[in-house]
Amino acid sequence: MNVKTQTILWIAQRASAAVLALCVTVHLATMVYAIRGGLSAAEILSRTKGNAGWLAFYTVFVLAVTVHAPIGLRSVVTEWFGWRGAARDVFLLGLAMLLAVMGMRAVLGVFL
């Protein structure tokens, strides 16, 4: 792999980590606030239905996971198993697509 590709992956990994840190913090703070306010899961879901702000927030969250996880796993499978080449990259692209589809199904389930 060339240096340019490695640099792009490094930047994408770090940028997605920063976005994930923010998203996890907002998500956890919101959950604590809602639960301490006495809201049930049904009441929380009723407030997220049709809310474009939460749709946008959780879509960004899913996209960050979709970028971050496969890049991190790429390093793990290379170091632990010595897996290199196109087959590894196709597998990780498939994993990224699976994460995106499952994540967006959950987001749309909360929104719709």
C-alpha atoms as a PDB file:
ATOM      1  CA  MET A   1       0.000   0.000   0.000  1.00  0.00           C
ATOM      2  CA  ASN A   2       1.353   3.389  -0.883  1.00  0.00           C
ATOM      3  CA  VAL A   3       2.051   6.208   1.540  1.00  0.00           C
ATOM      4  CA  LYS A   4      -0.800   8.377   0.262  1.00  0.00           C
ATOM      5  CA  THR A   5      -3.392   5.653   0.920  1.00  0.00           C
ATOM      6  CA  GLN A   6      -1.962   4.975   4.377  1.00  0.00           C
ATOM      7  CA  THR A   7      -2.098   8.683   5.182  1.00  0.00           C
ATOM      8  CA  ILE A   8      -5.731   8.941   4.063  1.00  0.00           C
ATOM      9  CA  LEU A   9      -6.683   5.922   6.193  1.00  0.00           C
ATOM     10  CA  TRP A  10      -4.804   7.367   9.182  1.00  0.00           C
ATOM     11  CA  ILE A  11      -6.604  10.707   8.861  1.00  0.00           C
ATOM     12  CA  ALA A  12      -9.999   9.018   8.371  1.00  0.00           C
ATOM     13  CA  GLN A  13      -9.404   6.858  11.462  1.00  0.00           C
ATOM     14  CA  ARG A  14      -8.492   9.839  13.650  1.00  0.00           C
ATOM     15  CA  ALA A  15     -11.250  12.100  12.307  1.00  0.00           C
ATOM     16  CA  SER A  16     -13.904   9.416  12.776  1.00  0.00           C
ATOM     17  CA  ALA A  17     -12.596   8.809  16.314  1.00  0.00           C
ATOM     18  CA  ALA A  18     -13.075  12.498  17.128  1.00  0.00           C
ATOM     19  CA  VAL A  19     -16.619  12.433  15.749  1.00  0.00           C
ATOM     20  CA  LEU A  20     -17.375   9.236  17.674  1.00  0.00           C
ATOM     21  CA  ALA A  21     -16.083  10.741  20.921  1.00  0.00           C
ATOM     22  CA  LEU A  22     -18.469  13.653  20.517  1.00  0.00           C
ATOM     23  CA  CYS A  23     -21.392  11.434  19.479  1.00  0.00           C
ATOM     24  CA  VAL A  24     -20.928   9.003  22.357  1.00  0.00           C
ATOM     25  CA  THR A  25     -20.718  11.883  24.831  1.00  0.00           C
ATOM     26  CA  VAL A  26     -23.909  13.507  23.514  1.00  0.00           C
ATOM     27  CA  HIS A  27     -25.704  10.145  23.369  1.00  0.00           C
ATOM     28  CA  LEU A  28     -24.793   9.191  26.940  1.00  0.00           C
ATOM     29  CA  ALA A  29     -25.521  12.655  28.338  1.00  0.00           C
ATOM     30  CA  THR A  30     -28.915  12.656  26.643  1.00  0.00           C
ATOM     31  CA  MET A  31     -29.751   9.208  28.003  1.00  0.00           C
ATOM     32  CA  VAL A  32     -28.780  10.178  31.542  1.00  0.00           C
ATOM     33  CA  TYR A  33     -30.752  13.426  31.286  1.00  0.00           C
ATOM     34  CA  ALA A  34     -33.841  11.649  29.933  1.00  0.00           C
ATOM     35  CA  ILE A  35     -33.777   8.830  32.457  1.00  0.00           C
ATOM     36  CA  ARG A  36     -33.148  11.148  35.404  1.00  0.00           C
ATOM     37  CA  GLY A  37     -36.078  13.196  34.128  1.00  0.00           C
ATOM     38  CA  GLY A  38     -38.235  10.110  34.569  1.00  0.00           C
ATOM     39  CA  LEU A  39     -38.829   9.362  30.883  1.00  0.00           C
ATOM     40  CA  SER A  40     -39.520   5.785  29.866  1.00  0.00           C
ATOM     41  CA  ALA A  41     -38.140   4.221  26.700  1.00  0.00           C
ATOM     42  CA  ALA A  42     -41.541   4.675  25.035  1.00  0.00           C
ATOM     43  CA  GLU A  43     -41.592   8.371  25.958  1.00  0.00           C
ATOM     44  CA  ILE A  44     -38.067   8.860  24.633  1.00  0.00           C
ATOM     45  CA  LEU A  45     -38.967   7.171  21.348  1.00  0.00           C
ATOM     46  CA  SER A  46     -42.102   9.281  21.044  1.00  0.00           C
ATOM     47  CA  ARG A  47     -39.888  12.378  21.224  1.00  0.00           C
ATOM     48  CA  THR A  48     -37.462  11.157  18.567  1.00  0.00           C
ATOM     49  CA  LYS A  49     -40.141  10.221  16.028  1.00  0.00           C
ATOM     50  CA  GLY A  50     -40.004  12.652  13.123  1.00  0.00           C
ATOM     51  CA  ASN A  51     -37.262  14.772  14.727  1.00  0.00           C
ATOM     52  CA  ALA A  52     -34.871  15.744  11.906  1.00  0.00           C
ATOM     53  CA  GLY A  53     -32.197  16.851  14.373  1.00  0.00           C
ATOM     54  CA  TRP A  54     -31.921  13.422  15.946  1.00  0.00           C
ATOM     55  CA  LEU A  55     -32.060  11.815  12.505  1.00  0.00           C
ATOM     56  CA  ALA A  56     -29.075  13.928  11.416  1.00  0.00           C
ATOM     57  CA  PHE A  57     -27.169  13.311  14.656  1.00  0.00           C
ATOM     58  CA  TYR A  58     -27.558   9.533  14.584  1.00  0.00           C
ATOM     59  CA  THR A  59     -26.827   9.400  10.850  1.00  0.00           C
ATOM     60  CA  VAL A  60     -23.489  11.120  11.525  1.00  0.00           C
ATOM     61  CA  PHE A  61     -22.926   8.641  14.374  1.00  0.00           C
ATOM     62  CA  VAL A  62     -23.535   5.675  12.040  1.00  0.00           C
ATOM     63  CA  LEU A  63     -21.291   7.125   9.323  1.00  0.00           C
ATOM     64  CA  ALA A  64     -18.471   7.619  11.831  1.00  0.00           C
ATOM     65  CA  VAL A  65     -18.771   3.992  12.976  1.00  0.00           C
ATOM     66  CA  THR A  66     -18.881   2.847   9.347  1.00  0.00           C
ATOM     67  CA  VAL A  67     -15.559   4.582   8.674  1.00  0.00           C
ATOM     68  CA  HIS A  68     -13.837   3.934  12.001  1.00  0.00           C
ATOM     69  CA  ALA A  69     -14.456   0.243  12.706  1.00  0.00           C
ATOM     70  CA  PRO A  70     -13.276  -1.308   9.409  1.00  0.00           C
ATOM     71  CA  ILE A  71     -10.086   0.777   9.356  1.00  0.00           C
ATOM     72  CA  GLY A  72      -9.274  -0.325  12.896  1.00  0.00           C
ATOM     73  CA  LEU A  73     -10.077  -3.956  12.108  1.00  0.00           C
ATOM     74  CA  ARG A  74      -7.879  -3.717   9.029  1.00  0.00           C
ATOM     75  CA  SER A  75      -4.869  -3.192  11.270  1.00  0.00           C
ATOM     76  CA  VAL A  76      -5.950  -5.958  13.646  1.00  0.00           C
ATOM     77  CA  VAL A  77      -6.446  -8.640  10.980  1.00  0.00           C
ATOM     78  CA  THR A  78      -3.169  -7.638   9.334  1.00  0.00           C
ATOM     79  CA  GLU A  79      -1.146  -7.804  12.564  1.00  0.00           C
ATOM     80  CA  TRP A  80      -2.820 -10.809  14.185  1.00  0.00           C
ATOM     81  CA  PHE A  81      -3.546 -12.995  11.176  1.00  0.00           C
ATOM     82  CA  GLY A  82      -1.200 -11.631   8.511  1.00  0.00           C
ATOM     83  CA  TRP A  83      -4.198 -11.127   6.234  1.00  0.00           C
ATOM     84  CA  ARG A  84      -3.247  -8.803   3.382  1.00  0.00           C
ATOM     85  CA  GLY A  85      -4.433  -8.097  -0.105  1.00  0.00           C
ATOM     86  CA  ALA A  86      -7.656  -7.558  -1.943  1.00  0.00           C
ATOM     87  CA  ALA A  87      -9.634 -10.265  -0.115  1.00  0.00           C
ATOM     88  CA  ARG A  88      -9.076  -8.505   3.217  1.00  0.00           C
ATOM     89  CA  ASP A  89     -10.103  -5.155   1.788  1.00  0.00           C
ATOM     90  CA  VAL A  90     -13.228  -6.585   0.136  1.00  0.00           C
ATOM     91  CA  PHE A  91     -14.191  -8.263   3.413  1.00  0.00           C
ATOM     92  CA  LEU A  92     -13.762  -5.004   5.326  1.00  0.00           C
ATOM     93  CA  LEU A  93     -15.709  -3.058   2.699  1.00  0.00           C
ATOM     94  CA  GLY A  94     -18.520  -5.594   3.124  1.00  0.00           C
ATOM     95  CA  LEU A  95     -18.325  -5.138   6.891  1.00  0.00           C
ATOM     96  CA  ALA A  96     -18.537  -1.360   6.458  1.00  0.00           C
ATOM     97  CA  MET A  97     -21.616  -1.739   4.265  1.00  0.00           C
ATOM     98  CA  LEU A  98     -23.199  -4.101   6.803  1.00  0.00           C
ATOM     99  CA  LEU A  99     -22.546  -1.623   9.625  1.00  0.00           C
ATOM    100  CA  ALA A 100     -24.030   1.196   7.545  1.00  0.00           C
ATOM    101  CA  VAL A 101     -27.172  -0.764   6.670  1.00  0.00           C
ATOM    102  CA  MET A 102     -27.763  -2.065  10.203  1.00  0.00           C
ATOM    103  CA  GLY A 103     -27.015   1.321  11.741  1.00  0.00           C
ATOM    104  CA  MET A 104     -29.333   3.203   9.400  1.00  0.00           C
ATOM    105  CA  ARG A 105     -32.090   0.661   9.981  1.00  0.00           C
ATOM    106  CA  ALA A 106     -31.834   1.445  13.691  1.00  0.00           C
ATOM    107  CA  VAL A 107     -31.758   5.205  13.028  1.00  0.00           C
ATOM    108  CA  LEU A 108     -34.790   5.031  10.771  1.00  0.00           C
ATOM    109  CA  GLY A 109     -36.570   2.835  13.325  1.00  0.00           C
ATOM    110  CA  VAL A 110     -36.161   5.598  15.903  1.00  0.00           C
ATOM    111  CA  PHE A 111     -37.102   8.345  13.428  1.00  0.00           C
ATOM    112  CA  LEU A 112     -40.062   6.841  11.553  1.00  0.00           C
END
